[in-house]
Amino acid sequence: RMTYISTLTKQFYESGESLNVKKTDYLSIQVTVALI
């Protein structure tokens, strides 16, 4: 599920369409995935 969230976050971040997703959020999710 977190991998899916990570993919979805990447899409939001790279498309620039999301107002809530920042680069720090994307990196934080990547770290979370690695920890899991």
PDB file of all heavy atoms in Angstrom:
ATOM      1  N   ARG A   1       0.821  -1.207   0.000  1.00  0.00           N
ATOM      2  CA  ARG A   1       0.000   0.000   0.000  1.00  0.00           C
ATOM      3  C   ARG A   1       0.862   1.268   0.000  1.00  0.00           C
ATOM      4  O   ARG A   1       0.554   2.248  -0.693  1.00  0.00           O
ATOM      5  CB  ARG A   1      -0.948  -0.005   1.214  1.00  0.00           C
ATOM      6  CG  ARG A   1      -2.034  -1.060   1.129  1.00  0.00           C
ATOM      7  CD  ARG A   1      -3.137  -0.789   2.141  1.00  0.00           C
ATOM      8  NE  ARG A   1      -2.632  -0.838   3.506  1.00  0.00           N
ATOM      9  CZ  ARG A   1      -2.623  -1.939   4.259  1.00  0.00           C
ATOM     10  NH1 ARG A   1      -3.089  -3.071   3.760  1.00  0.00           N
ATOM     11  NH2 ARG A   1      -2.165  -1.882   5.484  1.00  0.00           N
ATOM     12  N   MET A   2       1.941   1.222   0.796  1.00  0.00           N
ATOM     13  CA  MET A   2       2.819   2.381   0.827  1.00  0.00           C
ATOM     14  C   MET A   2       3.559   2.561  -0.489  1.00  0.00           C
ATOM     15  O   MET A   2       3.870   3.687  -0.909  1.00  0.00           O
ATOM     16  CB  MET A   2       3.827   2.243   1.982  1.00  0.00           C
ATOM     17  CG  MET A   2       3.227   2.498   3.349  1.00  0.00           C
ATOM     18  SD  MET A   2       2.454   4.132   3.507  1.00  0.00           S
ATOM     19  CE  MET A   2       3.842   5.207   3.206  1.00  0.00           C
ATOM     20  N   THR A   3       3.834   1.472  -1.171  1.00  0.00           N
ATOM     21  CA  THR A   3       4.443   1.591  -2.506  1.00  0.00           C
ATOM     22  C   THR A   3       3.475   2.281  -3.459  1.00  0.00           C
ATOM     23  O   THR A   3       3.874   3.125  -4.292  1.00  0.00           O
ATOM     24  CB  THR A   3       4.811   0.195  -3.030  1.00  0.00           C
ATOM     25  OG1 THR A   3       5.723  -0.430  -2.114  1.00  0.00           O
ATOM     26  CG2 THR A   3       5.462   0.277  -4.399  1.00  0.00           C
ATOM     27  N   TYR A   4       2.214   1.904  -3.346  1.00  0.00           N
ATOM     28  CA  TYR A   4       1.206   2.578  -4.175  1.00  0.00           C
ATOM     29  C   TYR A   4       1.119   4.054  -3.809  1.00  0.00           C
ATOM     30  O   TYR A   4       1.063   4.921  -4.702  1.00  0.00           O
ATOM     31  CB  TYR A   4      -0.151   1.905  -3.969  1.00  0.00           C
ATOM     32  CG  TYR A   4      -1.306   2.686  -4.548  1.00  0.00           C
ATOM     33  CD1 TYR A   4      -1.500   2.757  -5.939  1.00  0.00           C
ATOM     34  CD2 TYR A   4      -2.188   3.377  -3.710  1.00  0.00           C
ATOM     35  CE1 TYR A   4      -2.558   3.490  -6.465  1.00  0.00           C
ATOM     36  CE2 TYR A   4      -3.241   4.109  -4.234  1.00  0.00           C
ATOM     37  CZ  TYR A   4      -3.418   4.158  -5.621  1.00  0.00           C
ATOM     38  OH  TYR A   4      -4.453   4.897  -6.153  1.00  0.00           O
ATOM     39  N   ILE A   5       1.118   4.361  -2.482  1.00  0.00           N
ATOM     40  CA  ILE A   5       1.079   5.756  -2.040  1.00  0.00           C
ATOM     41  C   ILE A   5       2.311   6.506  -2.552  1.00  0.00           C
ATOM     42  O   ILE A   5       2.227   7.683  -2.973  1.00  0.00           O
ATOM     43  CB  ILE A   5       0.993   5.847  -0.501  1.00  0.00           C
ATOM     44  CG1 ILE A   5      -0.312   5.226   0.006  1.00  0.00           C
ATOM     45  CG2 ILE A   5       1.107   7.287  -0.036  1.00  0.00           C
ATOM     46  CD1 ILE A   5      -1.561   5.906  -0.472  1.00  0.00           C
ATOM     47  N   SER A   6       3.465   5.823  -2.532  1.00  0.00           N
ATOM     48  CA  SER A   6       4.695   6.448  -3.022  1.00  0.00           C
ATOM     49  C   SER A   6       4.584   6.766  -4.515  1.00  0.00           C
ATOM     50  O   SER A   6       4.981   7.854  -4.969  1.00  0.00           O
ATOM     51  CB  SER A   6       5.886   5.523  -2.764  1.00  0.00           C
ATOM     52  OG  SER A   6       7.066   6.061  -3.314  1.00  0.00           O
ATOM     53  N   THR A   7       4.031   5.838  -5.282  1.00  0.00           N
ATOM     54  CA  THR A   7       3.855   6.070  -6.726  1.00  0.00           C
ATOM     55  C   THR A   7       2.887   7.215  -6.968  1.00  0.00           C
ATOM     56  O   THR A   7       3.107   8.096  -7.829  1.00  0.00           O
ATOM     57  CB  THR A   7       3.343   4.788  -7.399  1.00  0.00           C
ATOM     58  OG1 THR A   7       4.265   3.721  -7.137  1.00  0.00           O
ATOM     59  CG2 THR A   7       3.200   4.988  -8.894  1.00  0.00           C
ATOM     60  N   LEU A   8       1.789   7.223  -6.197  1.00  0.00           N
ATOM     61  CA  LEU A   8       0.798   8.284  -6.342  1.00  0.00           C
ATOM     62  C   LEU A   8       1.382   9.637  -5.946  1.00  0.00           C
ATOM     63  O   LEU A   8       1.141  10.677  -6.626  1.00  0.00           O
ATOM     64  CB  LEU A   8      -0.417   7.958  -5.474  1.00  0.00           C
ATOM     65  CG  LEU A   8      -1.657   8.859  -5.632  1.00  0.00           C
ATOM     66  CD1 LEU A   8      -2.165   8.814  -7.080  1.00  0.00           C
ATOM     67  CD2 LEU A   8      -2.747   8.442  -4.658  1.00  0.00           C
ATOM     68  N   THR A   9       2.204   9.645  -4.881  1.00  0.00           N
ATOM     69  CA  THR A   9       2.850  10.897  -4.450  1.00  0.00           C
ATOM     70  C   THR A   9       3.814  11.410  -5.510  1.00  0.00           C
ATOM     71  O   THR A   9       3.909  12.628  -5.761  1.00  0.00           O
ATOM     72  CB  THR A   9       3.593  10.661  -3.128  1.00  0.00           C
ATOM     73  OG1 THR A   9       2.685  10.173  -2.159  1.00  0.00           O
ATOM     74  CG2 THR A   9       4.221  11.948  -2.624  1.00  0.00           C
ATOM     75  N   LYS A  10       4.523  10.498  -6.138  1.00  0.00           N
ATOM     76  CA  LYS A  10       5.467  10.884  -7.194  1.00  0.00           C
ATOM     77  C   LYS A  10       4.721  11.544  -8.352  1.00  0.00           C
ATOM     78  O   LYS A  10       5.171  12.553  -8.922  1.00  0.00           O
ATOM     79  CB  LYS A  10       6.237   9.658  -7.666  1.00  0.00           C
ATOM     80  CG  LYS A  10       7.276   9.970  -8.728  1.00  0.00           C
ATOM     81  CD  LYS A  10       8.023   8.714  -9.126  1.00  0.00           C
ATOM     82  CE  LYS A  10       9.077   9.045 -10.194  1.00  0.00           C
ATOM     83  NZ  LYS A  10       9.805   7.829 -10.628  1.00  0.00           N
ATOM     84  N   GLN A  11       3.587  10.961  -8.701  1.00  0.00           N
ATOM     85  CA  GLN A  11       2.791  11.544  -9.790  1.00  0.00           C
ATOM     86  C   GLN A  11       2.313  12.943  -9.420  1.00  0.00           C
ATOM     87  O   GLN A  11       2.392  13.879 -10.232  1.00  0.00           O
ATOM     88  CB  GLN A  11       1.600  10.636 -10.098  1.00  0.00           C
ATOM     89  CG  GLN A  11       1.985   9.298 -10.714  1.00  0.00           C
ATOM     90  CD  GLN A  11       0.791   8.393 -10.899  1.00  0.00           C
ATOM     91  OE1 GLN A  11      -0.343   8.764 -10.545  1.00  0.00           O
ATOM     92  NE2 GLN A  11       1.024   7.211 -11.454  1.00  0.00           N
ATOM     93  N   PHE A  12       1.810  13.104  -8.172  1.00  0.00           N
ATOM     94  CA  PHE A  12       1.355  14.420  -7.718  1.00  0.00           C
ATOM     95  C   PHE A  12       2.501  15.431  -7.741  1.00  0.00           C
ATOM     96  O   PHE A  12       2.353  16.578  -8.167  1.00  0.00           O
ATOM     97  CB  PHE A  12       0.775  14.334  -6.308  1.00  0.00           C
ATOM     98  CG  PHE A  12      -0.595  13.707  -6.242  1.00  0.00           C
ATOM     99  CD1 PHE A  12      -1.042  13.058  -5.097  1.00  0.00           C
ATOM    100  CD2 PHE A  12      -1.464  13.789  -7.325  1.00  0.00           C
ATOM    101  CE1 PHE A  12      -2.302  12.497  -5.032  1.00  0.00           C
ATOM    102  CE2 PHE A  12      -2.739  13.224  -7.263  1.00  0.00           C
ATOM    103  CZ  PHE A  12      -3.161  12.570  -6.125  1.00  0.00           C
ATOM    104  N   TYR A  13       3.664  14.987  -7.274  1.00  0.00           N
ATOM    105  CA  TYR A  13       4.800  15.908  -7.160  1.00  0.00           C
ATOM    106  C   TYR A  13       5.346  16.311  -8.527  1.00  0.00           C
ATOM    107  O   TYR A  13       5.611  17.487  -8.796  1.00  0.00           O
ATOM    108  CB  TYR A  13       5.891  15.253  -6.317  1.00  0.00           C
ATOM    109  CG  TYR A  13       7.195  16.022  -6.316  1.00  0.00           C
ATOM    110  CD1 TYR A  13       7.294  17.253  -5.668  1.00  0.00           C
ATOM    111  CD2 TYR A  13       8.312  15.517  -6.979  1.00  0.00           C
ATOM    112  CE1 TYR A  13       8.480  17.963  -5.686  1.00  0.00           C
ATOM    113  CE2 TYR A  13       9.488  16.222  -6.992  1.00  0.00           C
ATOM    114  CZ  TYR A  13       9.584  17.453  -6.334  1.00  0.00           C
ATOM    115  OH  TYR A  13      10.770  18.159  -6.367  1.00  0.00           O
ATOM    116  N   GLU A  14       5.475  15.315  -9.418  1.00  0.00           N
ATOM    117  CA  GLU A  14       6.056  15.613 -10.729  1.00  0.00           C
ATOM    118  C   GLU A  14       5.087  16.374 -11.623  1.00  0.00           C
ATOM    119  O   GLU A  14       5.499  17.185 -12.462  1.00  0.00           O
ATOM    120  CB  GLU A  14       6.488  14.308 -11.406  1.00  0.00           C
ATOM    121  CG  GLU A  14       7.683  13.651 -10.723  1.00  0.00           C
ATOM    122  CD  GLU A  14       8.074  12.352 -11.397  1.00  0.00           C
ATOM    123  OE1 GLU A  14       7.281  11.868 -12.250  1.00  0.00           O
ATOM    124  OE2 GLU A  14       9.149  11.786 -11.075  1.00  0.00           O
ATOM    125  N   SER A  15       3.789  16.106 -11.457  1.00  0.00           N
ATOM    126  CA  SER A  15       2.817  16.825 -12.301  1.00  0.00           C
ATOM    127  C   SER A  15       2.590  18.255 -11.799  1.00  0.00           C
ATOM    128  O   SER A  15       2.173  19.139 -12.558  1.00  0.00           O
ATOM    129  CB  SER A  15       1.491  16.062 -12.318  1.00  0.00           C
ATOM    130  OG  SER A  15       0.917  16.024 -11.022  1.00  0.00           O
ATOM    131  N   GLY A  16       2.847  18.471 -10.518  1.00  0.00           N
ATOM    132  CA  GLY A  16       2.634  19.791  -9.939  1.00  0.00           C
ATOM    133  C   GLY A  16       1.178  20.167  -9.789  1.00  0.00           C
ATOM    134  O   GLY A  16       0.854  21.331  -9.543  1.00  0.00           O
ATOM    135  N   GLU A  17       0.286  19.186  -9.898  1.00  0.00           N
ATOM    136  CA  GLU A  17      -1.147  19.488  -9.817  1.00  0.00           C
ATOM    137  C   GLU A  17      -1.651  19.506  -8.370  1.00  0.00           C
ATOM    138  O   GLU A  17      -2.718  20.037  -8.100  1.00  0.00           O
ATOM    139  CB  GLU A  17      -1.934  18.430 -10.601  1.00  0.00           C
ATOM    140  CG  GLU A  17      -1.604  18.437 -12.093  1.00  0.00           C
ATOM    141  CD  GLU A  17      -2.331  17.326 -12.817  1.00  0.00           C
ATOM    142  OE1 GLU A  17      -3.014  16.518 -12.107  1.00  0.00           O
ATOM    143  OE2 GLU A  17      -2.239  17.231 -14.056  1.00  0.00           O
ATOM    144  N   SER A  18      -0.888  18.893  -7.443  1.00  0.00           N
ATOM    145  CA  SER A  18      -1.335  18.819  -6.042  1.00  0.00           C
ATOM    146  C   SER A  18      -0.874  20.040  -5.269  1.00  0.00           C
ATOM    147  O   SER A  18       0.254  20.514  -5.432  1.00  0.00           O
ATOM    148  CB  SER A  18      -0.789  17.559  -5.379  1.00  0.00           C
ATOM    149  OG  SER A  18      -1.106  17.538  -4.023  1.00  0.00           O
ATOM    150  N   LEU A  19      -1.788  20.534  -4.412  1.00  0.00           N
ATOM    151  CA  LEU A  19      -1.453  21.670  -3.560  1.00  0.00           C
ATOM    152  C   LEU A  19      -0.911  21.204  -2.199  1.00  0.00           C
ATOM    153  O   LEU A  19      -0.389  22.014  -1.429  1.00  0.00           O
ATOM    154  CB  LEU A  19      -2.694  22.538  -3.338  1.00  0.00           C
ATOM    155  CG  LEU A  19      -3.322  23.149  -4.612  1.00  0.00           C
ATOM    156  CD1 LEU A  19      -4.596  23.880  -4.258  1.00  0.00           C
ATOM    157  CD2 LEU A  19      -2.331  24.073  -5.305  1.00  0.00           C
ATOM    158  N   ASN A  20      -1.064  19.870  -1.890  1.00  0.00           N
ATOM    159  CA  ASN A  20      -0.666  19.360  -0.584  1.00  0.00           C
ATOM    160  C   ASN A  20       0.688  18.637  -0.590  1.00  0.00           C
ATOM    161  O   ASN A  20       1.303  18.458   0.455  1.00  0.00           O
ATOM    162  CB  ASN A  20      -1.724  18.382  -0.057  1.00  0.00           C
ATOM    163  CG  ASN A  20      -3.053  19.065   0.196  1.00  0.00           C
ATOM    164  OD1 ASN A  20      -3.080  20.173   0.741  1.00  0.00           O
ATOM    165  ND2 ASN A  20      -4.147  18.437  -0.216  1.00  0.00           N
ATOM    166  N   VAL A  21       1.128  18.184  -1.767  1.00  0.00           N
ATOM    167  CA  VAL A  21       2.340  17.368  -1.851  1.00  0.00           C
ATOM    168  C   VAL A  21       3.539  18.233  -2.170  1.00  0.00           C
ATOM    169  O   VAL A  21       3.537  18.981  -3.151  1.00  0.00           O
ATOM    170  CB  VAL A  21       2.189  16.268  -2.924  1.00  0.00           C
ATOM    171  CG1 VAL A  21       3.486  15.474  -3.035  1.00  0.00           C
ATOM    172  CG2 VAL A  21       1.030  15.352  -2.581  1.00  0.00           C
ATOM    173  N   LYS A  22       4.558  18.132  -1.326  1.00  0.00           N
ATOM    174  CA  LYS A  22       5.803  18.844  -1.542  1.00  0.00           C
ATOM    175  C   LYS A  22       6.911  17.814  -1.731  1.00  0.00           C
ATOM    176  O   LYS A  22       6.714  16.611  -1.562  1.00  0.00           O
ATOM    177  CB  LYS A  22       6.127  19.735  -0.344  1.00  0.00           C
ATOM    178  CG  LYS A  22       5.013  20.665   0.082  1.00  0.00           C
ATOM    179  CD  LYS A  22       5.434  21.467   1.284  1.00  0.00           C
ATOM    180  CE  LYS A  22       4.273  22.195   1.917  1.00  0.00           C
ATOM    181  NZ  LYS A  22       3.243  21.306   2.421  1.00  0.00           N
ATOM    182  N   LYS A  23       8.082  18.315  -2.036  1.00  0.00           N
ATOM    183  CA  LYS A  23       9.222  17.414  -2.216  1.00  0.00           C
ATOM    184  C   LYS A  23       9.561  16.699  -0.925  1.00  0.00           C
ATOM    185  O   LYS A  23       9.925  15.519  -0.926  1.00  0.00           O
ATOM    186  CB  LYS A  23      10.422  18.205  -2.717  1.00  0.00           C
ATOM    187  CG  LYS A  23      11.618  17.314  -3.057  1.00  0.00           C
ATOM    188  CD  LYS A  23      12.761  18.118  -3.645  1.00  0.00           C
ATOM    189  CE  LYS A  23      13.923  17.196  -4.008  1.00  0.00           C
ATOM    190  NZ  LYS A  23      15.048  17.940  -4.606  1.00  0.00           N
ATOM    191  N   THR A  24       9.452  17.413   0.184  1.00  0.00           N
ATOM    192  CA  THR A  24       9.735  16.791   1.482  1.00  0.00           C
ATOM    193  C   THR A  24       8.766  15.648   1.783  1.00  0.00           C
ATOM    194  O   THR A  24       9.146  14.636   2.385  1.00  0.00           O
ATOM    195  CB  THR A  24       9.654  17.836   2.610  1.00  0.00           C
ATOM    196  OG1 THR A  24       8.368  18.494   2.541  1.00  0.00           O
ATOM    197  CG2 THR A  24      10.753  18.875   2.464  1.00  0.00           C
ATOM    198  N   ASP A  25       7.527  15.796   1.354  1.00  0.00           N
ATOM    199  CA  ASP A  25       6.551  14.704   1.550  1.00  0.00           C
ATOM    200  C   ASP A  25       6.947  13.484   0.725  1.00  0.00           C
ATOM    201  O   ASP A  25       6.862  12.338   1.202  1.00  0.00           O
ATOM    202  CB  ASP A  25       5.151  15.177   1.140  1.00  0.00           C
ATOM    203  CG  ASP A  25       4.653  16.311   2.018  1.00  0.00           C
ATOM    204  OD1 ASP A  25       4.996  16.310   3.223  1.00  0.00           O
ATOM    205  OD2 ASP A  25       3.946  17.194   1.506  1.00  0.00           O
ATOM    206  N   TYR A  26       7.374  13.775  -0.512  1.00  0.00           N
ATOM    207  CA  TYR A  26       7.779  12.672  -1.388  1.00  0.00           C
ATOM    208  C   TYR A  26       8.976  11.934  -0.789  1.00  0.00           C
ATOM    209  O   TYR A  26       9.008  10.699  -0.751  1.00  0.00           O
ATOM    210  CB  TYR A  26       8.102  13.220  -2.775  1.00  0.00           C
ATOM    211  CG  TYR A  26       8.710  12.194  -3.707  1.00  0.00           C
ATOM    212  CD1 TYR A  26       7.961  11.114  -4.160  1.00  0.00           C
ATOM    213  CD2 TYR A  26      10.050  12.290  -4.103  1.00  0.00           C
ATOM    214  CE1 TYR A  26       8.516  10.164  -5.010  1.00  0.00           C
ATOM    215  CE2 TYR A  26      10.603  11.343  -4.941  1.00  0.00           C
ATOM    216  CZ  TYR A  26       9.837  10.280  -5.387  1.00  0.00           C
ATOM    217  OH  TYR A  26      10.394   9.354  -6.225  1.00  0.00           O
ATOM    218  N   LEU A  27       9.966  12.677  -0.298  1.00  0.00           N
ATOM    219  CA  LEU A  27      11.145  12.060   0.291  1.00  0.00           C
ATOM    220  C   LEU A  27      10.794  11.321   1.580  1.00  0.00           C
ATOM    221  O   LEU A  27      11.334  10.239   1.856  1.00  0.00           O
ATOM    222  CB  LEU A  27      12.200  13.137   0.578  1.00  0.00           C
ATOM    223  CG  LEU A  27      12.804  13.829  -0.660  1.00  0.00           C
ATOM    224  CD1 LEU A  27      13.749  14.937  -0.239  1.00  0.00           C
ATOM    225  CD2 LEU A  27      13.522  12.820  -1.550  1.00  0.00           C
ATOM    226  N   SER A  28       9.900  11.901   2.371  1.00  0.00           N
ATOM    227  CA  SER A  28       9.482  11.251   3.613  1.00  0.00           C
ATOM    228  C   SER A  28       8.814   9.912   3.340  1.00  0.00           C
ATOM    229  O   SER A  28       9.060   8.913   4.033  1.00  0.00           O
ATOM    230  CB  SER A  28       8.536  12.157   4.384  1.00  0.00           C
ATOM    231  OG  SER A  28       8.090  11.527   5.572  1.00  0.00           O
ATOM    232  N   ILE A  29       7.987   9.878   2.305  1.00  0.00           N
ATOM    233  CA  ILE A  29       7.320   8.618   1.950  1.00  0.00           C
ATOM    234  C   ILE A  29       8.328   7.595   1.447  1.00  0.00           C
ATOM    235  O   ILE A  29       8.221   6.394   1.733  1.00  0.00           O
ATOM    236  CB  ILE A  29       6.213   8.883   0.899  1.00  0.00           C
ATOM    237  CG1 ILE A  29       5.063   9.649   1.560  1.00  0.00           C
ATOM    238  CG2 ILE A  29       5.717   7.582   0.294  1.00  0.00           C
ATOM    239  CD1 ILE A  29       3.951  10.029   0.619  1.00  0.00           C
ATOM    240  N   GLN A  30       9.336   8.045   0.709  1.00  0.00           N
ATOM    241  CA  GLN A  30      10.371   7.130   0.229  1.00  0.00           C
ATOM    242  C   GLN A  30      11.120   6.496   1.394  1.00  0.00           C
ATOM    243  O   GLN A  30      11.403   5.299   1.391  1.00  0.00           O
ATOM    244  CB  GLN A  30      11.357   7.900  -0.672  1.00  0.00           C
ATOM    245  CG  GLN A  30      10.774   8.355  -2.004  1.00  0.00           C
ATOM    246  CD  GLN A  30      10.422   7.160  -2.887  1.00  0.00           C
ATOM    247  OE1 GLN A  30      11.177   6.202  -3.004  1.00  0.00           O
ATOM    248  NE2 GLN A  30       9.247   7.227  -3.496  1.00  0.00           N
ATOM    249  N   VAL A  31      11.442   7.346   2.392  1.00  0.00           N
ATOM    250  CA  VAL A  31      12.115   6.824   3.595  1.00  0.00           C
ATOM    251  C   VAL A  31      11.215   5.824   4.312  1.00  0.00           C
ATOM    252  O   VAL A  31      11.664   4.770   4.778  1.00  0.00           O
ATOM    253  CB  VAL A  31      12.503   7.990   4.523  1.00  0.00           C
ATOM    254  CG1 VAL A  31      13.016   7.442   5.859  1.00  0.00           C
ATOM    255  CG2 VAL A  31      13.555   8.868   3.885  1.00  0.00           C
ATOM    256  N   THR A  32       9.919   6.140   4.399  1.00  0.00           N
ATOM    257  CA  THR A  32       8.975   5.239   5.068  1.00  0.00           C
ATOM    258  C   THR A  32       8.907   3.893   4.365  1.00  0.00           C
ATOM    259  O   THR A  32       8.892   2.828   5.013  1.00  0.00           O
ATOM    260  CB  THR A  32       7.578   5.881   5.111  1.00  0.00           C
ATOM    261  OG1 THR A  32       7.643   7.129   5.803  1.00  0.00           O
ATOM    262  CG2 THR A  32       6.587   4.966   5.813  1.00  0.00           C
ATOM    263  N   VAL A  33       8.877   3.927   3.052  1.00  0.00           N
ATOM    264  CA  VAL A  33       8.846   2.679   2.273  1.00  0.00           C
ATOM    265  C   VAL A  33      10.098   1.857   2.535  1.00  0.00           C
ATOM    266  O   VAL A  33      10.044   0.629   2.705  1.00  0.00           O
ATOM    267  CB  VAL A  33       8.684   2.978   0.771  1.00  0.00           C
ATOM    268  CG1 VAL A  33       8.875   1.695  -0.047  1.00  0.00           C
ATOM    269  CG2 VAL A  33       7.319   3.581   0.481  1.00  0.00           C
ATOM    270  N   ALA A  34      11.243   2.522   2.585  1.00  0.00           N
ATOM    271  CA  ALA A  34      12.498   1.806   2.836  1.00  0.00           C
ATOM    272  C   ALA A  34      12.501   1.170   4.226  1.00  0.00           C
ATOM    273  O   ALA A  34      12.966   0.035   4.417  1.00  0.00           O
ATOM    274  CB  ALA A  34      13.671   2.771   2.685  1.00  0.00           C
ATOM    275  N   LEU A  35      11.982   1.909   5.216  1.00  0.00           N
ATOM    276  CA  LEU A  35      11.913   1.366   6.575  1.00  0.00           C
ATOM    277  C   LEU A  35      10.990   0.154   6.638  1.00  0.00           C
ATOM    278  O   LEU A  35      11.288  -0.833   7.312  1.00  0.00           O
ATOM    279  CB  LEU A  35      11.435   2.443   7.543  1.00  0.00           C
ATOM    280  CG  LEU A  35      12.422   3.581   7.837  1.00  0.00           C
ATOM    281  CD1 LEU A  35      11.760   4.642   8.712  1.00  0.00           C
ATOM    282  CD2 LEU A  35      13.678   3.049   8.512  1.00  0.00           C
ATOM    283  N   ILE A  36       9.871   0.238   5.943  1.00  0.00           N
ATOM    284  CA  ILE A  36       8.925  -0.894   5.937  1.00  0.00           C
ATOM    285  C   ILE A  36       9.549  -2.100   5.246  1.00  0.00           C
ATOM    286  O   ILE A  36       9.360  -3.253   5.663  1.00  0.00           O
ATOM    287  CB  ILE A  36       7.600  -0.479   5.265  1.00  0.00           C
ATOM    288  CG1 ILE A  36       6.900   0.605   6.095  1.00  0.00           C
ATOM    289  CG2 ILE A  36       6.680  -1.685   5.110  1.00  0.00           C
ATOM    290  CD1 ILE A  36       5.651   1.160   5.466  1.00  0.00           C
TER     291      ILE A  36
END
